[in-house]
Amino acid sequence: MYDIALCKGGECPFKEYCFRHTAEVLGRQDFFGTIPYHFPSRSCAYFYENKAFKQQRQSKAYQIWQAQGCPDGQDEQHWLEAKEMLLCEAARQQSNASSDVD
């Protein structure tokens, strides 16, 4: 059992990247009452990246580093930029998918 609240995901575009959604439920577990994703700001204060997201983020950060000429000392900036790019893309895909349904 995990000592964190899990999330059912709902319409959250980050759910496949979030440990709170993808973790295996082991016994009794607490869940959020409502999905914590904030649609107007396209963000979730409770996002907890899972292993798959970390791997994609690492790859994206490496691509950014290479594209910028392999500069030293900007690893944290590349790491944050990679996270932002991946989450923005997930939100954009969710937005496109829900507009296709309408």
Foldseek 3Di string as FASTA:
>chain_A
DDPDAAECQPLQLCLVFACSNPPDDDPDHHHDPDGQQDLVVLDHPPGHGDPVLVVQLVVQLVVVCVVVPNDPPCSVVSSVVSVVVVSVVSSVVSVVVVVVVD
